[in-house]
Protein backbone atom coordinates (compact mmCIF):
# COMPACT_ATOMS: atom_id res chain seq x y z
CA UNK A 1 0.00 0.00 0.00
CA UNK A 2 1.29 3.44 -0.96
CA UNK A 3 0.53 5.93 1.81
CA UNK A 4 0.13 9.44 0.42
CA UNK A 5 -1.16 12.79 1.67
CA UNK A 6 -4.52 12.53 -0.13
CA UNK A 7 -5.49 9.05 1.08
CA UNK A 8 -8.39 8.93 3.56
CA UNK A 9 -7.48 7.91 7.11
CA UNK A 10 -10.32 5.37 7.18
CA UNK A 11 -8.96 3.82 4.00
CA UNK A 12 -5.52 3.47 5.60
CA UNK A 13 -6.96 1.52 8.54
CA UNK A 14 -9.08 -0.54 6.15
CA UNK A 15 -5.95 -1.65 4.29
CA UNK A 16 -3.62 -1.67 7.32
CA UNK A 17 -5.50 -2.27 10.62
CA UNK A 18 -2.38 -1.70 12.76
CA UNK A 19 -2.42 1.93 11.61
CA UNK A 20 -5.14 2.36 14.26
CA UNK A 21 -2.44 2.14 16.93
CA UNK A 22 -0.47 4.99 15.35
CA UNK A 23 -3.62 7.08 14.92
CA UNK A 24 -4.48 6.44 18.57
CA UNK A 25 -1.10 7.83 19.60
CA UNK A 26 -1.80 11.07 17.71
CA UNK A 27 -5.51 11.05 18.68
CA UNK A 28 -6.57 10.91 15.02
CA UNK A 29 -10.23 9.98 14.50
CA UNK A 30 -10.26 7.28 11.80
CA UNK A 31 -13.83 6.05 12.38
CA UNK A 32 -16.38 8.90 12.45
CA UNK A 33 -13.78 11.13 10.78
CA UNK A 34 -12.53 8.42 8.45
CA UNK A 35 -13.41 10.31 5.26
CA UNK A 36 -10.80 13.02 5.86
CA UNK A 37 -7.52 12.90 3.97
CA UNK A 38 -4.26 12.43 5.83
CA UNK A 39 -3.26 15.92 4.71
CA UNK A 40 -6.43 17.51 6.12
CA UNK A 41 -5.95 15.72 9.44
CA UNK A 42 -2.36 16.92 9.73
CA UNK A 43 -3.39 20.51 8.98
CA UNK A 44 -6.25 20.37 11.53
CA UNK A 45 -4.10 18.84 14.28
CA UNK A 46 -0.84 20.60 13.39
CA UNK A 47 1.04 17.37 12.73
CA UNK A 48 4.05 16.95 10.46
CA UNK A 49 2.72 15.01 7.49
CA UNK A 50 6.11 13.73 6.33
CA UNK A 51 6.81 12.30 9.79
CA UNK A 52 3.40 10.64 9.98
CA UNK A 53 3.62 9.14 6.48
CA UNK A 54 7.09 7.83 7.27
CA UNK A 55 5.92 6.25 10.54
CA UNK A 56 2.92 4.63 8.85
CA UNK A 57 5.02 3.36 5.94
CA UNK A 58 7.70 1.84 8.17
CA UNK A 59 5.04 0.16 10.35
CA UNK A 60 3.27 -1.21 7.27
CA UNK A 61 6.47 -2.59 5.76
CA UNK A 62 7.46 -4.27 9.02
CA UNK A 63 4.09 -5.84 9.78
CA UNK A 64 3.04 -9.28 8.62
CA UNK A 65 -0.24 -8.75 6.76
CA UNK A 66 -2.20 -11.62 8.31
CA UNK A 67 -5.33 -9.75 9.39
CA UNK A 68 -8.59 -10.50 7.61
CA UNK A 69 -9.29 -8.03 4.82
CA UNK A 70 -12.89 -7.13 5.67
CA UNK A 71 -13.24 -5.07 2.50
CA UNK A 72 -13.35 -8.31 0.47
CA UNK A 73 -14.33 -10.95 3.04
CA UNK A 74 -17.96 -12.18 2.78
CA UNK A 75 -20.32 -9.61 4.29
CA UNK A 76 -21.99 -12.16 6.56
CA UNK A 77 -18.55 -13.00 8.02
CA UNK A 78 -18.00 -9.31 8.73
CA UNK A 79 -21.35 -9.06 10.53
CA UNK A 80 -20.51 -12.11 12.67
CA UNK A 81 -17.14 -10.58 13.50
CA UNK A 82 -18.73 -7.30 14.59
CA UNK A 83 -21.20 -9.18 16.78
CA UNK A 84 -18.54 -11.35 18.40
CA UNK A 85 -15.69 -8.83 18.75
CA UNK A 86 -17.66 -5.65 19.47
CA UNK A 87 -21.32 -6.17 20.40
CA UNK A 88 -20.48 -8.98 22.84
CA UNK A 89 -17.70 -6.84 24.30
CA UNK A 90 -20.09 -3.91 24.88
CA UNK A 91 -22.76 -6.11 26.48
CA UNK A 92 -20.14 -7.25 29.00
CA UNK A 93 -18.20 -4.00 29.48
CA UNK A 94 -20.87 -1.29 29.63
CA UNK A 95 -22.68 -2.66 32.73
CA UNK A 96 -19.33 -3.22 34.45
CA UNK A 97 -18.21 0.35 33.75
CA UNK A 98 -21.57 1.64 34.93
CA UNK A 99 -20.92 0.10 38.36
CA UNK A 100 -17.29 1.22 38.41
CA UNK A 101 -18.03 4.87 37.57
CA UNK A 102 -20.57 4.96 40.41
CA UNK A 103 -18.06 3.45 42.84
CA UNK A 104 -15.24 5.87 42.09
CA UNK A 105 -17.62 8.85 42.15
CA UNK A 106 -18.77 7.86 45.64
CA UNK A 107 -15.23 7.17 46.86
CA UNK A 108 -13.31 10.01 45.21
CA UNK A 109 -15.88 12.56 44.03
CA UNK A 110 -15.11 15.03 46.81
CA UNK A 111 -11.43 15.37 45.85
CA UNK A 112 -11.99 14.76 42.15
CA UNK A 113 -15.15 16.66 41.09
CA UNK A 114 -14.53 15.79 37.42
CA UNK A 115 -15.86 12.30 38.25
CA UNK A 116 -19.42 13.62 38.32
CA UNK A 117 -19.05 14.77 34.71
CA UNK A 118 -17.41 11.45 33.83
CA UNK A 119 -20.33 9.55 35.37
CA UNK A 120 -22.87 11.65 33.44
CA UNK A 121 -21.02 11.47 30.10
CA UNK A 122 -20.39 7.73 30.35
CA UNK A 123 -24.06 6.99 31.00
CA UNK A 124 -25.10 9.15 28.04
CA UNK A 125 -22.70 7.05 25.95
CA UNK A 126 -24.10 3.82 27.41
CA UNK A 127 -27.67 4.85 26.60
CA UNK A 128 -26.66 5.71 23.03
CA UNK A 129 -24.81 2.42 22.51
CA UNK A 130 -27.50 0.25 24.10
CA UNK A 131 -30.11 1.65 21.72
CA UNK A 132 -27.70 1.47 18.79
CA UNK A 133 -26.88 -2.23 19.26
CA UNK A 134 -30.57 -3.14 19.38
CA UNK A 135 -31.24 -1.23 16.15
CA UNK A 136 -28.42 -3.01 14.35
CA UNK A 137 -29.42 -6.45 15.61
CA UNK A 138 -33.17 -6.10 15.00
CA UNK A 139 -33.23 -4.02 11.81
CA UNK A 140 -30.03 -3.87 9.78
CA UNK A 141 -28.37 -7.23 10.37
CA UNK A 142 -31.53 -9.31 9.79
CA UNK A 143 -32.11 -7.37 6.55
CA UNK A 144 -28.54 -8.11 5.46
CA UNK A 145 -28.97 -11.82 6.17
CA UNK A 146 -32.25 -11.94 4.25
CA UNK A 147 -30.73 -10.15 1.28
CA UNK A 148 -27.75 -12.53 1.18
CA UNK A 149 -30.16 -15.47 1.36
CA UNK A 150 -32.79 -14.33 -1.16
CA UNK A 151 -31.09 -11.55 -3.16
CA UNK A 152 -34.26 -9.52 -2.57
CA UNK A 153 -33.50 -5.83 -3.19
CA UNK A 154 -36.18 -4.77 -0.71
CA UNK A 155 -34.13 -6.36 2.07
CA UNK A 156 -31.00 -4.59 0.85
CA UNK A 157 -32.94 -1.30 0.85
CA UNK A 158 -33.93 -1.87 4.51
CA UNK A 159 -30.27 -2.39 5.40
CA UNK A 160 -29.16 0.72 3.52
CA UNK A 161 -32.01 3.03 4.57
CA UNK A 162 -30.98 2.84 8.23
CA UNK A 163 -27.32 3.74 7.55
CA UNK A 164 -27.73 7.49 7.90
CA UNK A 165 -29.37 7.06 11.30
CA UNK A 166 -26.69 4.63 12.46
CA UNK A 167 -23.91 6.96 11.31
CA UNK A 168 -25.49 9.81 13.28
CA UNK A 169 -25.48 7.60 16.37
CA UNK A 170 -21.84 6.75 15.68
CA UNK A 171 -21.07 10.47 15.65
CA UNK A 172 -22.79 10.91 19.02
CA UNK A 173 -20.92 7.96 20.53
CA UNK A 174 -17.62 9.19 19.12
CA UNK A 175 -18.18 12.66 20.59
CA UNK A 176 -18.96 11.16 24.02
CA UNK A 177 -15.83 9.01 23.94
CA UNK A 178 -13.69 12.02 23.03
CA UNK A 179 -15.31 13.94 25.88
CA UNK A 180 -14.42 11.13 28.29
CA UNK A 181 -10.79 11.27 27.19
CA UNK A 182 -10.80 15.03 27.84
CA UNK A 183 -12.52 14.72 31.23
CA UNK A 184 -10.00 12.07 32.35
CA UNK A 185 -7.04 14.05 30.94
CA UNK A 186 -6.10 11.20 28.60
CA UNK A 187 -6.96 8.61 31.27
CA UNK A 188 -4.38 9.99 33.70
CA UNK A 189 -4.63 8.26 37.09
CA UNK A 190 -3.92 10.52 40.13
CA UNK A 191 -1.67 9.20 42.89
CA UNK A 192 -4.27 9.45 45.68
CA UNK A 193 -6.78 6.95 44.32
CA UNK A 194 -7.65 3.29 44.80
CA UNK A 195 -7.16 0.30 42.52
CA UNK A 196 -10.81 0.48 41.42
CA UNK A 197 -10.10 3.95 40.03
CA UNK A 198 -7.14 2.58 38.05
CA UNK A 199 -9.23 -0.32 36.74
CA UNK A 200 -11.99 2.07 35.66
CA UNK A 201 -9.67 4.32 33.67
CA UNK A 202 -7.91 1.35 32.07
CA UNK A 203 -11.26 -0.12 31.03
CA UNK A 204 -12.47 3.24 29.68
CA UNK A 205 -9.39 3.47 27.46
CA UNK A 206 -9.96 -0.08 26.26
CA UNK A 207 -13.60 0.81 25.54
CA UNK A 208 -12.44 3.76 23.45
CA UNK A 209 -10.24 1.59 21.23
CA UNK A 210 -12.80 -1.20 20.83
CA UNK A 211 -15.59 1.24 19.94
CA UNK A 212 -13.48 3.19 17.46
CA UNK A 213 -12.61 -0.08 15.69
CA UNK A 214 -16.30 -1.06 15.78
CA UNK A 215 -17.37 2.23 14.20
CA UNK A 216 -14.59 2.01 11.61
CA UNK A 217 -15.69 -1.46 10.49
CA UNK A 218 -19.24 -0.22 10.00
CA UNK A 219 -18.80 3.33 8.67
CA UNK A 220 -15.82 2.70 6.40
CA UNK A 221 -16.39 -0.91 5.35
CA UNK A 222 -19.81 -2.48 5.99
CA UNK A 223 -21.92 0.54 5.11
CA UNK A 224 -19.85 1.32 2.02
CA UNK A 225 -20.13 -2.26 0.78
CA UNK A 226 -23.91 -2.23 1.25
CA UNK A 227 -24.19 1.00 -0.74
CA UNK A 228 -22.04 -0.47 -3.51
CA UNK A 229 -24.38 -3.48 -3.74
CA UNK A 230 -27.24 -1.07 -4.50
């Protein structure tokens, strides 16, 4: 893959999934903001484009390309992967983080007032994601399966018609996750806190990465492939 200034950041991660780790380091949004060119991102975030292209190129050349290419893999396999790697993760992690954010607010809220905002923002994110997962699993994914089974264009239309709504929800979730990173000062753990606090921040950072990958697979790959089928 030739990495150039005009290539979209979502396209880079599509072709080279490990690029997500480099984008995470520079806090580059490759999921909701995946349609932006590398050049536009560098201008917006005041990054040196030559340095970033060089880092991405070296990483690409030194990485064994063994990851599944979801841009060509069967669509039903991609849906199963999203369910297993991302939906299942959220069903397990969101309730756990709900309990943890309450615990650390009660224990440390007096000395760390930002935890009240964290609690509020996380639960707004949880509400958004809970509703979003249900919509995908009861509307879009069944329509995809029916289309692949019957080749009925009405089923494909059902799967495509909901994309705009799902992308809007992705934007809301992405904004909440970015707000959480800001509230936590990049998940910085103060010295005067308990182990539960550390666990909470570590899990929030893990949630950020898993959700960004989830959104990338849908916005930049699944949704685009469905539109191309139309």
